[in-house]
Amino acid sequence: MKNISGKKLSNVEVLVTWYDKNGNMITAGSALIGYNPILPGQISPFGVMEIYNPAMKSATIEFKFLFRGSIDTYHKKK
């Protein structure tokens, strides 16, 4: 995660949701990102562990503040 907000962000949580080939949710997991706080312009590592299920075909990633609302994100296409 790269902080492009221009201010430090504290207690940022990543939420990963896994889906099957039909778009049905299988499971979700969350964790705090590696840096707390994450400073403006800083890139923080993160990882979410979940038991593998062979039906997992895709996932979404969201960021939010712990015990608060979501964080608007920007996805750069490769």
Protein backbone atom coordinates (compact mmCIF):
# COMPACT_ATOMS: atom_id res chain seq x y z
CA MET A 1 0.00 0.00 0.00
CA LYS A 2 1.28 3.46 -0.88
CA ASN A 3 0.00 6.43 1.10
CA ILE A 4 -0.88 9.09 -1.49
CA SER A 5 -3.04 11.13 0.90
CA GLY A 6 -0.49 13.74 1.97
CA LYS A 7 -0.99 12.96 5.68
CA LYS A 8 0.05 10.16 8.00
CA LEU A 9 -2.46 7.37 8.40
CA SER A 10 -2.69 5.30 11.59
CA ASN A 11 -4.21 1.86 12.18
CA VAL A 12 -4.75 0.97 8.52
CA GLU A 13 -6.23 -2.47 7.98
CA VAL A 14 -6.27 -4.46 4.74
CA LEU A 15 -9.29 -6.65 3.96
CA VAL A 16 -9.00 -9.38 1.32
CA THR A 17 -12.10 -11.19 0.07
CA TRP A 18 -11.77 -14.34 -2.04
CA TYR A 19 -14.31 -15.47 -4.65
CA ASP A 20 -14.98 -18.58 -6.71
CA LYS A 21 -15.17 -18.61 -10.54
CA ASN A 22 -18.83 -17.51 -10.40
CA GLY A 23 -18.12 -14.50 -8.19
CA ASN A 24 -19.49 -16.08 -5.02
CA MET A 25 -17.63 -15.13 -1.87
CA ILE A 26 -15.68 -17.97 -0.28
CA THR A 27 -13.97 -16.29 2.66
CA ALA A 28 -12.34 -13.06 3.83
CA GLY A 29 -9.40 -12.14 6.01
CA SER A 30 -7.87 -8.97 7.38
CA ALA A 31 -4.70 -7.67 9.04
CA LEU A 32 -3.02 -4.40 9.90
CA ILE A 33 -0.51 -3.19 7.30
CA GLY A 34 3.16 -3.38 8.22
CA TYR A 35 3.80 0.30 9.05
CA ASN A 36 1.85 2.13 11.72
CA PRO A 37 1.54 4.96 11.00
CA ILE A 38 2.20 5.00 7.28
CA LEU A 39 3.67 8.37 6.33
CA PRO A 40 2.83 10.41 3.20
CA GLY A 41 4.48 8.84 0.15
CA GLN A 42 5.53 5.73 2.10
CA ILE A 43 4.88 2.21 0.82
CA SER A 44 3.98 -0.38 3.44
CA PRO A 45 4.07 -4.13 3.03
CA PHE A 46 1.04 -6.14 4.07
CA GLY A 47 -0.05 -9.75 4.14
CA VAL A 48 -3.27 -11.59 4.87
CA MET A 49 -3.19 -15.31 5.52
CA GLU A 50 -6.11 -17.62 4.86
CA ILE A 51 -6.41 -21.37 4.44
CA TYR A 52 -6.16 -22.24 0.74
CA ASN A 53 -9.32 -23.42 -0.98
CA PRO A 54 -8.95 -24.73 -4.55
CA ALA A 55 -12.19 -22.94 -5.49
CA MET A 56 -10.49 -19.54 -4.97
CA LYS A 57 -10.23 -17.85 -8.36
CA SER A 58 -10.14 -14.11 -7.64
CA ALA A 59 -9.86 -11.63 -4.79
CA THR A 60 -10.56 -8.02 -3.92
CA ILE A 61 -8.40 -5.85 -1.67
CA GLU A 62 -9.78 -2.96 0.41
CA PHE A 63 -8.17 -0.68 2.98
CA LYS A 64 -9.90 0.79 6.01
CA PHE A 65 -9.14 2.29 9.35
CA LEU A 66 -9.32 -0.19 12.22
CA PHE A 67 -12.82 0.07 13.76
CA ARG A 68 -13.74 2.85 11.31
CA GLY A 69 -14.74 3.38 7.71
CA SER A 70 -13.07 2.51 4.44
CA ILE A 71 -10.26 4.45 2.78
CA ASP A 72 -10.73 5.66 -0.80
CA THR A 73 -8.17 3.93 -2.98
CA TYR A 74 -6.63 4.34 -6.38
CA HIS A 75 -5.77 1.25 -8.43
CA LYS A 76 -3.02 1.68 -10.99
CA LYS A 77 -3.46 -0.62 -13.98
CA LYS A 78 -0.40 -2.53 -15.13
